[in-house]
Protein backbone atom coordinates (compact mmCIF):
# COMPACT_ATOMS: atom_id res chain seq x y z
CA UNK A 1 -56.00 5.31 -18.03
CA UNK A 2 -52.97 5.95 -20.27
CA UNK A 3 -52.69 9.48 -18.90
CA UNK A 4 -52.65 8.15 -15.34
CA UNK A 5 -49.93 5.61 -16.11
CA UNK A 6 -47.91 8.25 -17.94
CA UNK A 7 -48.30 10.66 -15.05
CA UNK A 8 -47.14 8.05 -12.58
CA UNK A 9 -44.17 7.24 -14.77
CA UNK A 10 -43.18 10.91 -14.96
CA UNK A 11 -43.55 11.31 -11.20
CA UNK A 12 -41.42 8.21 -10.63
CA UNK A 13 -38.70 9.45 -12.99
CA UNK A 14 -38.68 12.88 -11.34
CA UNK A 15 -38.50 11.28 -7.91
CA UNK A 16 -35.55 9.12 -8.97
CA UNK A 17 -33.76 12.12 -10.45
CA UNK A 18 -34.36 14.14 -7.28
CA UNK A 19 -33.19 11.27 -5.07
CA UNK A 20 -30.09 10.79 -7.17
CA UNK A 21 -29.31 14.52 -7.01
CA UNK A 22 -29.72 14.57 -3.22
CA UNK A 23 -27.53 11.49 -2.82
CA UNK A 24 -24.88 13.02 -5.07
CA UNK A 25 -24.97 16.30 -3.15
CA UNK A 26 -24.71 14.52 0.20
CA UNK A 27 -21.87 12.36 -1.09
CA UNK A 28 -19.98 15.42 -2.36
CA UNK A 29 -20.49 17.21 0.97
CA UNK A 30 -19.17 14.24 2.94
CA UNK A 31 -16.25 14.04 0.54
CA UNK A 32 -15.37 17.70 1.18
CA UNK A 33 -15.66 17.24 4.94
CA UNK A 34 -13.14 14.40 4.67
CA UNK A 35 -10.73 15.91 2.12
CA UNK A 36 -10.50 19.52 3.31
CA UNK A 37 -9.25 19.00 6.90
CA UNK A 38 -6.37 16.84 5.62
CA UNK A 39 -5.46 19.54 3.09
CA UNK A 40 -5.64 22.20 5.81
CA UNK A 41 -3.15 20.25 7.91
CA UNK A 42 -0.82 20.15 4.91
CA UNK A 43 -1.14 23.82 3.93
CA UNK A 44 -0.64 24.80 7.60
CA UNK A 45 3.04 23.95 7.20
CA UNK A 46 3.46 26.75 4.65
CA UNK A 47 3.30 29.32 7.45
CA UNK A 48 4.04 27.43 10.65
CA UNK A 49 6.18 24.47 9.57
CA UNK A 50 9.77 24.88 10.80
CA UNK A 51 11.14 22.71 7.98
CA UNK A 52 9.14 24.31 5.18
CA UNK A 53 11.34 26.26 2.69
CA UNK A 54 9.74 29.70 2.63
CA UNK A 55 11.85 31.14 -0.20
CA UNK A 56 13.02 29.78 -3.53
CA UNK A 57 16.66 30.07 -2.41
CA UNK A 58 15.99 27.85 0.59
CA UNK A 59 14.04 25.40 -1.57
CA UNK A 60 16.91 25.20 -4.05
CA UNK A 61 19.32 24.44 -1.22
CA UNK A 62 16.95 21.74 0.04
CA UNK A 63 16.99 20.17 -3.40
CA UNK A 64 20.77 20.57 -3.77
CA UNK A 65 21.55 18.90 -0.44
CA UNK A 66 18.59 16.51 -0.54
CA UNK A 67 17.27 17.77 2.80
CA UNK A 68 14.62 15.14 3.42
CA UNK A 69 12.74 17.00 6.17
CA UNK A 70 12.63 20.19 4.12
CA UNK A 71 11.50 18.40 0.97
CA UNK A 72 8.91 16.39 2.88
CA UNK A 73 7.36 19.59 4.28
CA UNK A 74 7.45 21.23 0.85
CA UNK A 75 5.79 18.26 -0.85
CA UNK A 76 3.12 18.10 1.87
CA UNK A 77 2.21 21.75 1.30
CA UNK A 78 2.16 21.41 -2.47
CA UNK A 79 -0.04 18.33 -2.24
CA UNK A 80 -2.45 20.26 -0.01
CA UNK A 81 -2.42 23.19 -2.42
CA UNK A 82 -3.14 20.92 -5.39
CA UNK A 83 -6.10 19.35 -3.60
CA UNK A 84 -7.53 22.69 -2.51
CA UNK A 85 -7.30 24.03 -6.06
CA UNK A 86 -8.99 20.91 -7.43
CA UNK A 87 -12.04 21.25 -5.15
CA UNK A 88 -12.26 25.02 -5.54
CA UNK A 89 -16.00 25.83 -5.50
CA UNK A 90 -18.71 27.68 -3.60
CA UNK A 91 -19.57 24.46 -1.76
CA UNK A 92 -15.94 23.99 -0.79
CA UNK A 93 -15.77 27.57 0.51
CA UNK A 94 -18.92 27.13 2.58
CA UNK A 95 -17.56 23.90 4.03
CA UNK A 96 -14.21 25.58 4.70
CA UNK A 97 -15.86 28.43 6.61
CA UNK A 98 -17.85 25.90 8.66
CA UNK A 99 -14.75 23.83 9.43
CA UNK A 100 -12.83 26.95 10.49
CA UNK A 101 -15.53 27.89 12.98
CA UNK A 102 -15.74 24.40 14.45
CA UNK A 103 -11.99 23.74 14.52
CA UNK A 104 -10.89 27.12 15.89
CA UNK A 105 -13.29 26.75 18.84
CA UNK A 106 -12.35 23.12 19.48
CA UNK A 107 -10.56 21.94 22.60
CA UNK A 108 -8.81 19.33 20.48
CA UNK A 109 -5.25 20.58 19.99
CA UNK A 110 -4.91 19.18 16.48
CA UNK A 111 -8.14 20.81 15.29
CA UNK A 112 -7.46 24.09 17.07
CA UNK A 113 -4.04 24.43 15.44
CA UNK A 114 -3.47 22.52 12.21
CA UNK A 115 -7.05 22.41 10.94
CA UNK A 116 -8.06 25.85 12.17
CA UNK A 117 -5.04 27.80 10.91
CA UNK A 118 -4.71 25.68 7.79
CA UNK A 119 -8.32 26.50 6.97
CA UNK A 120 -7.66 30.20 7.47
CA UNK A 121 -4.58 30.05 5.23
CA UNK A 122 -6.64 28.27 2.54
CA UNK A 123 -8.88 31.33 2.13
CA UNK A 124 -6.11 32.51 -0.20
CA UNK A 125 -7.60 30.30 -2.91
CA UNK A 126 -10.99 32.04 -2.84
CA UNK A 127 -10.75 35.52 -4.29
CA UNK A 128 -13.61 36.01 -6.72
CA UNK A 129 -15.84 38.98 -5.77
CA UNK A 130 -18.64 36.59 -4.77
CA UNK A 131 -16.35 34.41 -2.66
CA UNK A 132 -14.70 37.47 -1.17
CA UNK A 133 -18.05 38.86 -0.03
CA UNK A 134 -19.01 35.50 1.46
CA UNK A 135 -15.78 35.28 3.45
CA UNK A 136 -16.19 38.78 4.88
CA UNK A 137 -19.84 38.20 5.72
CA UNK A 138 -18.94 35.04 7.64
CA UNK A 139 -15.95 36.54 9.47
CA UNK A 140 -18.13 39.39 10.68
CA UNK A 141 -20.34 36.92 12.58
CA UNK A 142 -17.57 34.63 13.80
CA UNK A 143 -17.05 34.65 17.58
CA UNK A 144 -14.50 37.20 18.74
CA UNK A 145 -12.01 34.46 19.57
CA UNK A 146 -11.80 33.46 15.90
CA UNK A 147 -11.49 37.08 14.73
CA UNK A 148 -8.55 37.45 17.12
CA UNK A 149 -6.92 34.32 15.67
CA UNK A 150 -7.40 35.54 12.12
CA UNK A 151 -6.07 39.05 12.60
CA UNK A 152 -3.29 38.18 15.00
CA UNK A 153 -1.31 36.79 12.06
CA UNK A 154 -0.04 37.90 8.69
CA UNK A 155 -1.85 35.74 6.14
CA UNK A 156 -1.27 35.99 2.40
CA UNK A 157 -4.98 35.85 1.68
CA UNK A 158 -5.11 39.43 3.02
CA UNK A 159 -3.10 40.43 -0.06
CA UNK A 160 -5.32 38.46 -2.41
CA UNK A 161 -8.60 40.37 -2.00
CA UNK A 162 -10.45 41.89 -4.98
CA UNK A 163 -12.27 44.50 -2.84
CA UNK A 164 -9.46 45.90 -0.74
CA UNK A 165 -11.24 49.05 0.44
CA UNK A 166 -14.23 47.03 1.62
CA UNK A 167 -11.95 44.89 3.77
CA UNK A 168 -10.01 47.84 5.14
CA UNK A 169 -13.23 49.59 6.16
CA UNK A 170 -14.67 46.42 7.71
CA UNK A 171 -11.57 45.31 9.59
CA UNK A 172 -10.87 48.80 10.91
CA UNK A 173 -14.16 48.73 12.86
CA UNK A 174 -14.25 45.01 13.66
CA UNK A 175 -14.36 43.86 17.28
CA UNK A 176 -10.81 42.51 17.62
CA UNK A 177 -8.41 42.54 20.57
CA UNK A 178 -5.58 44.28 18.76
CA UNK A 179 -2.11 44.18 20.36
CA UNK A 180 -1.91 47.92 19.82
CA UNK A 181 -2.92 50.48 17.22
CA UNK A 182 0.40 50.17 15.38
CA UNK A 183 -0.19 46.47 14.82
CA UNK A 184 -3.76 47.14 13.72
CA UNK A 185 -2.52 49.62 11.12
CA UNK A 186 0.06 47.07 9.98
CA UNK A 187 -2.61 44.40 9.37
CA UNK A 188 -4.75 46.94 7.53
CA UNK A 189 -1.75 47.81 5.34
CA UNK A 190 -1.52 44.17 4.22
CA UNK A 191 -4.92 44.45 2.56
CA UNK A 192 -3.48 47.26 0.42
CA UNK A 193 -0.65 45.05 -0.85
CA UNK A 194 -0.63 43.35 -4.22
CA UNK A 195 -0.38 39.58 -4.33
CA UNK A 196 2.72 40.13 -6.45
CA UNK A 197 4.45 41.10 -3.21
CA UNK A 198 3.98 37.53 -1.95
CA UNK A 199 5.48 35.81 -4.97
CA UNK A 200 8.66 34.97 -3.08
CA UNK A 201 6.73 32.43 -1.06
CA UNK A 202 7.28 29.04 -2.65
CA UNK A 203 3.74 27.75 -2.07
CA UNK A 204 2.22 30.92 -3.57
CA UNK A 205 4.40 31.12 -6.67
CA UNK A 206 4.49 27.46 -7.68
């Protein structure tokens, strides 16, 4: 009798622990799905924002003359960067890759631009060998439209890869509508660059 009661108690405790873990995981996932798109919209400005100060000299002038539009864009990007660094994890990367696929194929203009490209830019923050492999694996199976969007731009995450030769080999044979072979070779050359060559960018260096 005591064994039966004890067994039931153990089962109940395990069930509660499992339920709590599932609820926590679901809550964290929903949190990422809410937080990340907003951060992508902010980090998007680092490359495509007309008012964003792309060099330290420009930023210093913005500060000197109190250029409100410039400083607003800069602060938006830095807030997005801070958030992305704070949620940096395998779960966040998986969610990011999912959001990129959904947003880049969306007919919604906001998703297809700010969220899509901001998500692509954010891959900069994931450069461990494990994360790097996961990104490449996912890009390989993305629809061609998304591959074209990724490799039709110069992104600083190209520089920030731990396995450069792996990327060069993969991208060189990837099904992409290249503008021409010269441009293809240019994009491949970016994977050979050191991230130190991007340090002039204010959002990268600060």
